[in-house]
PDB file of all heavy atoms in Angstrom:
ATOM      1  N   LYS A   1      15.538   1.266  12.450  1.00  0.00           N
ATOM      2  CA  LYS A   1      15.655   0.116  11.577  1.00  0.00           C
ATOM      3  C   LYS A   1      14.425   0.012  10.684  1.00  0.00           C
ATOM      4  O   LYS A   1      13.354   0.512  11.011  1.00  0.00           O
ATOM      5  CB  LYS A   1      15.845  -1.155  12.386  1.00  0.00           C
ATOM      6  CG  LYS A   1      14.663  -1.528  13.276  1.00  0.00           C
ATOM      7  CD  LYS A   1      14.960  -2.827  14.005  1.00  0.00           C
ATOM      8  CE  LYS A   1      13.773  -3.218  14.894  1.00  0.00           C
ATOM      9  NZ  LYS A   1      14.009  -4.505  15.573  1.00  0.00           N
ATOM     10  N   ALA A   2      14.645  -0.641   9.505  1.00  0.00           N
ATOM     11  CA  ALA A   2      13.559  -0.811   8.550  1.00  0.00           C
ATOM     12  C   ALA A   2      12.765  -2.049   8.897  1.00  0.00           C
ATOM     13  O   ALA A   2      13.314  -3.089   9.229  1.00  0.00           O
ATOM     14  CB  ALA A   2      14.110  -0.945   7.134  1.00  0.00           C
ATOM     15  N   VAL A   3      11.457  -1.920   8.831  1.00  0.00           N
ATOM     16  CA  VAL A   3      10.560  -3.025   9.139  1.00  0.00           C
ATOM     17  C   VAL A   3       9.625  -3.221   7.955  1.00  0.00           C
ATOM     18  O   VAL A   3       9.012  -2.251   7.498  1.00  0.00           O
ATOM     19  CB  VAL A   3       9.739  -2.735  10.415  1.00  0.00           C
ATOM     20  CG1 VAL A   3       8.777  -3.890  10.708  1.00  0.00           C
ATOM     21  CG2 VAL A   3      10.673  -2.495  11.590  1.00  0.00           C
ATOM     22  N   PRO A   4       9.559  -4.429   7.397  1.00  0.00           N
ATOM     23  CA  PRO A   4       8.645  -4.655   6.268  1.00  0.00           C
ATOM     24  C   PRO A   4       7.206  -4.496   6.680  1.00  0.00           C
ATOM     25  O   PRO A   4       6.815  -4.843   7.792  1.00  0.00           O
ATOM     26  CB  PRO A   4       8.962  -6.096   5.852  1.00  0.00           C
ATOM     27  CG  PRO A   4       9.510  -6.737   7.075  1.00  0.00           C
ATOM     28  CD  PRO A   4      10.270  -5.661   7.797  1.00  0.00           C
ATOM     29  N   ILE A   5       6.414  -3.921   5.736  1.00  0.00           N
ATOM     30  CA  ILE A   5       4.985  -3.762   5.979  1.00  0.00           C
ATOM     31  C   ILE A   5       4.259  -4.834   5.198  1.00  0.00           C
ATOM     32  O   ILE A   5       4.412  -4.946   3.984  1.00  0.00           O
ATOM     33  CB  ILE A   5       4.499  -2.368   5.528  1.00  0.00           C
ATOM     34  CG1 ILE A   5       5.231  -1.280   6.319  1.00  0.00           C
ATOM     35  CG2 ILE A   5       2.999  -2.239   5.700  1.00  0.00           C
ATOM     36  CD1 ILE A   5       4.842   0.125   5.902  1.00  0.00           C
ATOM     37  N   THR A   6       3.475  -5.625   5.835  1.00  0.00           N
ATOM     38  CA  THR A   6       2.689  -6.650   5.155  1.00  0.00           C
ATOM     39  C   THR A   6       1.453  -6.008   4.556  1.00  0.00           C
ATOM     40  O   THR A   6       1.065  -4.888   4.903  1.00  0.00           O
ATOM     41  CB  THR A   6       2.280  -7.753   6.138  1.00  0.00           C
ATOM     42  OG1 THR A   6       1.440  -7.175   7.136  1.00  0.00           O
ATOM     43  CG2 THR A   6       3.503  -8.380   6.795  1.00  0.00           C
ATOM     44  N   ASP A   7       0.816  -6.741   3.593  1.00  0.00           N
ATOM     45  CA  ASP A   7      -0.398  -6.212   2.952  1.00  0.00           C
ATOM     46  C   ASP A   7      -1.470  -5.888   3.969  1.00  0.00           C
ATOM     47  O   ASP A   7      -2.194  -4.907   3.846  1.00  0.00           O
ATOM     48  CB  ASP A   7      -0.946  -7.233   1.943  1.00  0.00           C
ATOM     49  CG  ASP A   7      -0.064  -7.302   0.705  1.00  0.00           C
ATOM     50  OD1 ASP A   7       0.725  -6.369   0.495  1.00  0.00           O
ATOM     51  OD2 ASP A   7      -0.179  -8.299  -0.054  1.00  0.00           O
ATOM     52  N   SER A   8      -1.543  -6.728   5.024  1.00  0.00           N
ATOM     53  CA  SER A   8      -2.592  -6.506   6.024  1.00  0.00           C
ATOM     54  C   SER A   8      -2.322  -5.260   6.844  1.00  0.00           C
ATOM     55  O   SER A   8      -3.229  -4.671   7.408  1.00  0.00           O
ATOM     56  CB  SER A   8      -2.686  -7.729   6.947  1.00  0.00           C
ATOM     57  OG  SER A   8      -1.437  -7.942   7.604  1.00  0.00           O
ATOM     58  N   ALA A   9      -1.045  -4.831   6.894  1.00  0.00           N
ATOM     59  CA  ALA A   9      -0.686  -3.668   7.698  1.00  0.00           C
ATOM     60  C   ALA A   9      -0.708  -2.376   6.898  1.00  0.00           C
ATOM     61  O   ALA A   9      -0.543  -1.306   7.457  1.00  0.00           O
ATOM     62  CB  ALA A   9       0.697  -3.875   8.311  1.00  0.00           C
ATOM     63  N   GLN A  10      -0.878  -2.483   5.579  1.00  0.00           N
ATOM     64  CA  GLN A  10      -0.789  -1.274   4.758  1.00  0.00           C
ATOM     65  C   GLN A  10      -1.996  -0.370   4.929  1.00  0.00           C
ATOM     66  O   GLN A  10      -1.893   0.839   4.821  1.00  0.00           O
ATOM     67  CB  GLN A  10      -0.639  -1.665   3.286  1.00  0.00           C
ATOM     68  CG  GLN A  10       0.724  -2.238   2.984  1.00  0.00           C
ATOM     69  CD  GLN A  10       0.844  -2.592   1.510  1.00  0.00           C
ATOM     70  OE1 GLN A  10       0.050  -2.158   0.701  1.00  0.00           O
ATOM     71  NE2 GLN A  10       1.842  -3.396   1.202  1.00  0.00           N
ATOM     72  N   GLY A  11      -3.151  -0.930   5.137  1.00  0.00           N
ATOM     73  CA  GLY A  11      -4.323  -0.117   5.325  1.00  0.00           C
ATOM     74  C   GLY A  11      -4.944   0.314   4.012  1.00  0.00           C
ATOM     75  O   GLY A  11      -4.376   0.176   2.944  1.00  0.00           O
ATOM     76  N   PRO A  12      -6.138   0.882   4.067  1.00  0.00           N
ATOM     77  CA  PRO A  12      -6.882   1.250   2.855  1.00  0.00           C
ATOM     78  C   PRO A  12      -6.203   2.352   2.041  1.00  0.00           C
ATOM     79  O   PRO A  12      -6.345   2.384   0.827  1.00  0.00           O
ATOM     80  CB  PRO A  12      -8.237   1.710   3.411  1.00  0.00           C
ATOM     81  CG  PRO A  12      -7.965   2.095   4.833  1.00  0.00           C
ATOM     82  CD  PRO A  12      -6.892   1.167   5.295  1.00  0.00           C
ATOM     83  N   ASP A  13      -5.480   3.280   2.683  1.00  0.00           N
ATOM     84  CA  ASP A  13      -4.861   4.378   1.946  1.00  0.00           C
ATOM     85  C   ASP A  13      -3.802   3.870   0.973  1.00  0.00           C
ATOM     86  O   ASP A  13      -3.743   4.311  -0.187  1.00  0.00           O
ATOM     87  CB  ASP A  13      -4.234   5.372   2.915  1.00  0.00           C
ATOM     88  CG  ASP A  13      -5.295   6.152   3.681  1.00  0.00           C
ATOM     89  OD1 ASP A  13      -6.460   6.174   3.214  1.00  0.00           O
ATOM     90  OD2 ASP A  13      -4.965   6.719   4.729  1.00  0.00           O
ATOM     91  N   LEU A  14      -2.934   2.960   1.431  1.00  0.00           N
ATOM     92  CA  LEU A  14      -1.896   2.439   0.552  1.00  0.00           C
ATOM     93  C   LEU A  14      -2.482   1.557  -0.538  1.00  0.00           C
ATOM     94  O   LEU A  14      -1.996   1.542  -1.671  1.00  0.00           O
ATOM     95  CB  LEU A  14      -0.870   1.661   1.366  1.00  0.00           C
ATOM     96  CG  LEU A  14       0.032   2.522   2.270  1.00  0.00           C
ATOM     97  CD1 LEU A  14       0.946   1.639   3.097  1.00  0.00           C
ATOM     98  CD2 LEU A  14       0.852   3.483   1.430  1.00  0.00           C
ATOM     99  N   GLN A  15      -3.524   0.817  -0.240  1.00  0.00           N
ATOM    100  CA  GLN A  15      -4.186   0.015  -1.257  1.00  0.00           C
ATOM    101  C   GLN A  15      -4.782   0.915  -2.340  1.00  0.00           C
ATOM    102  O   GLN A  15      -4.688   0.618  -3.539  1.00  0.00           O
ATOM    103  CB  GLN A  15      -5.300  -0.839  -0.617  1.00  0.00           C
ATOM    104  CG  GLN A  15      -4.812  -1.960   0.267  1.00  0.00           C
ATOM    105  CD  GLN A  15      -4.215  -3.097  -0.548  1.00  0.00           C
ATOM    106  OE1 GLN A  15      -4.234  -3.075  -1.769  1.00  0.00           O
ATOM    107  NE2 GLN A  15      -3.653  -4.083   0.147  1.00  0.00           N
ATOM    108  N   HIS A  16      -5.380   2.008  -1.910  1.00  0.00           N
ATOM    109  CA  HIS A  16      -5.950   2.965  -2.865  1.00  0.00           C
ATOM    110  C   HIS A  16      -4.853   3.568  -3.733  1.00  0.00           C
ATOM    111  O   HIS A  16      -5.037   3.751  -4.955  1.00  0.00           O
ATOM    112  CB  HIS A  16      -6.689   4.067  -2.104  1.00  0.00           C
ATOM    113  CG  HIS A  16      -7.202   5.158  -2.993  1.00  0.00           C
ATOM    114  ND1 HIS A  16      -8.294   4.996  -3.813  1.00  0.00           N
ATOM    115  CD2 HIS A  16      -6.741   6.434  -3.203  1.00  0.00           C
ATOM    116  CE1 HIS A  16      -8.502   6.127  -4.487  1.00  0.00           C
ATOM    117  NE2 HIS A  16      -7.577   7.007  -4.137  1.00  0.00           N
ATOM    118  N   LEU A  17      -3.693   3.872  -3.127  1.00  0.00           N
ATOM    119  CA  LEU A  17      -2.577   4.447  -3.873  1.00  0.00           C
ATOM    120  C   LEU A  17      -2.074   3.458  -4.917  1.00  0.00           C
ATOM    121  O   LEU A  17      -1.763   3.853  -6.059  1.00  0.00           O
ATOM    122  CB  LEU A  17      -1.452   4.820  -2.911  1.00  0.00           C
ATOM    123  CG  LEU A  17      -0.217   5.465  -3.541  1.00  0.00           C
ATOM    124  CD1 LEU A  17      -0.589   6.759  -4.246  1.00  0.00           C
ATOM    125  CD2 LEU A  17       0.846   5.721  -2.478  1.00  0.00           C
ATOM    126  N   ARG A  18      -1.989   2.192  -4.558  1.00  0.00           N
ATOM    127  CA  ARG A  18      -1.534   1.176  -5.509  1.00  0.00           C
ATOM    128  C   ARG A  18      -2.496   1.087  -6.693  1.00  0.00           C
ATOM    129  O   ARG A  18      -2.068   1.040  -7.853  1.00  0.00           O
ATOM    130  CB  ARG A  18      -1.433  -0.169  -4.806  1.00  0.00           C
ATOM    131  CG  ARG A  18      -1.090  -1.321  -5.760  1.00  0.00           C
ATOM    132  CD  ARG A  18      -1.053  -2.641  -5.029  1.00  0.00           C
ATOM    133  NE  ARG A  18       0.064  -2.695  -4.090  1.00  0.00           N
ATOM    134  CZ  ARG A  18       0.270  -3.699  -3.237  1.00  0.00           C
ATOM    135  NH1 ARG A  18      -0.596  -4.708  -3.203  1.00  0.00           N
ATOM    136  NH2 ARG A  18       1.310  -3.696  -2.435  1.00  0.00           N
ATOM    137  N   LEU A  19      -3.799   1.070  -6.423  1.00  0.00           N
ATOM    138  CA  LEU A  19      -4.788   1.006  -7.503  1.00  0.00           C
ATOM    139  C   LEU A  19      -4.726   2.248  -8.393  1.00  0.00           C
ATOM    140  O   LEU A  19      -4.874   2.165  -9.612  1.00  0.00           O
ATOM    141  CB  LEU A  19      -6.194   0.855  -6.902  1.00  0.00           C
ATOM    142  CG  LEU A  19      -6.485  -0.470  -6.194  1.00  0.00           C
ATOM    143  CD1 LEU A  19      -7.852  -0.434  -5.526  1.00  0.00           C
ATOM    144  CD2 LEU A  19      -6.401  -1.631  -7.178  1.00  0.00           C
ATOM    145  N   LYS A  20      -4.486   3.389  -7.765  1.00  0.00           N
ATOM    146  CA  LYS A  20      -4.395   4.637  -8.531  1.00  0.00           C
ATOM    147  C   LYS A  20      -3.186   4.614  -9.451  1.00  0.00           C
ATOM    148  O   LYS A  20      -3.263   5.069 -10.608  1.00  0.00           O
ATOM    149  CB  LYS A  20      -4.303   5.827  -7.571  1.00  0.00           C
ATOM    150  CG  LYS A  20      -4.478   7.182  -8.259  1.00  0.00           C
ATOM    151  CD  LYS A  20      -5.879   7.329  -8.823  1.00  0.00           C
ATOM    152  CE  LYS A  20      -6.073   8.701  -9.436  1.00  0.00           C
ATOM    153  NZ  LYS A  20      -7.415   8.832 -10.037  1.00  0.00           N
ATOM    154  N   CYS A  21      -2.067   4.099  -8.979  1.00  0.00           N
ATOM    155  CA  CYS A  21      -0.862   3.991  -9.816  1.00  0.00           C
ATOM    156  C   CYS A  21      -1.110   3.087 -11.017  1.00  0.00           C
ATOM    157  O   CYS A  21      -0.697   3.395 -12.138  1.00  0.00           O
ATOM    158  CB  CYS A  21       0.306   3.462  -8.985  1.00  0.00           C
ATOM    159  SG  CYS A  21       0.992   4.669  -7.824  1.00  0.00           S
ATOM    160  N   GLU A  22      -1.785   1.966 -10.777  1.00  0.00           N
ATOM    161  CA  GLU A  22      -2.091   1.060 -11.881  1.00  0.00           C
ATOM    162  C   GLU A  22      -3.002   1.729 -12.899  1.00  0.00           C
ATOM    163  O   GLU A  22      -2.847   1.557 -14.109  1.00  0.00           O
ATOM    164  CB  GLU A  22      -2.733  -0.215 -11.335  1.00  0.00           C
ATOM    165  CG  GLU A  22      -1.794  -1.068 -10.499  1.00  0.00           C
ATOM    166  CD  GLU A  22      -2.497  -2.253  -9.870  1.00  0.00           C
ATOM    167  OE1 GLU A  22      -3.747  -2.326  -9.984  1.00  0.00           O
ATOM    168  OE2 GLU A  22      -1.807  -3.096  -9.267  1.00  0.00           O
ATOM    169  N   GLU A  23      -3.970   2.505 -12.412  1.00  0.00           N
ATOM    170  CA  GLU A  23      -4.880   3.220 -13.306  1.00  0.00           C
ATOM    171  C   GLU A  23      -4.124   4.251 -14.146  1.00  0.00           C
ATOM    172  O   GLU A  23      -4.352   4.382 -15.358  1.00  0.00           O
ATOM    173  CB  GLU A  23      -5.975   3.904 -12.484  1.00  0.00           C
ATOM    174  CG  GLU A  23      -6.971   4.692 -13.344  1.00  0.00           C
ATOM    175  CD  GLU A  23      -8.000   5.413 -12.495  1.00  0.00           C
ATOM    176  OE1 GLU A  23      -8.043   5.171 -11.274  1.00  0.00           O
ATOM    177  OE2 GLU A  23      -8.740   6.238 -13.049  1.00  0.00           O
ATOM    178  N   LEU A  24      -3.190   4.977 -13.517  1.00  0.00           N
ATOM    179  CA  LEU A  24      -2.402   5.979 -14.235  1.00  0.00           C
ATOM    180  C   LEU A  24      -1.505   5.325 -15.283  1.00  0.00           C
ATOM    181  O   LEU A  24      -1.300   5.876 -16.368  1.00  0.00           O
ATOM    182  CB  LEU A  24      -1.568   6.797 -13.246  1.00  0.00           C
ATOM    183  CG  LEU A  24      -2.340   7.768 -12.364  1.00  0.00           C
ATOM    184  CD1 LEU A  24      -1.417   8.390 -11.322  1.00  0.00           C
ATOM    185  CD2 LEU A  24      -2.990   8.866 -13.202  1.00  0.00           C
TER     186      LEU A  24
END
């Protein structure tokens, strides 16, 4: 089953990926 990931559960790697996408 699919479980939503909260911002607190995403960790630094996913946060970095989000920032990188915005930069691109």
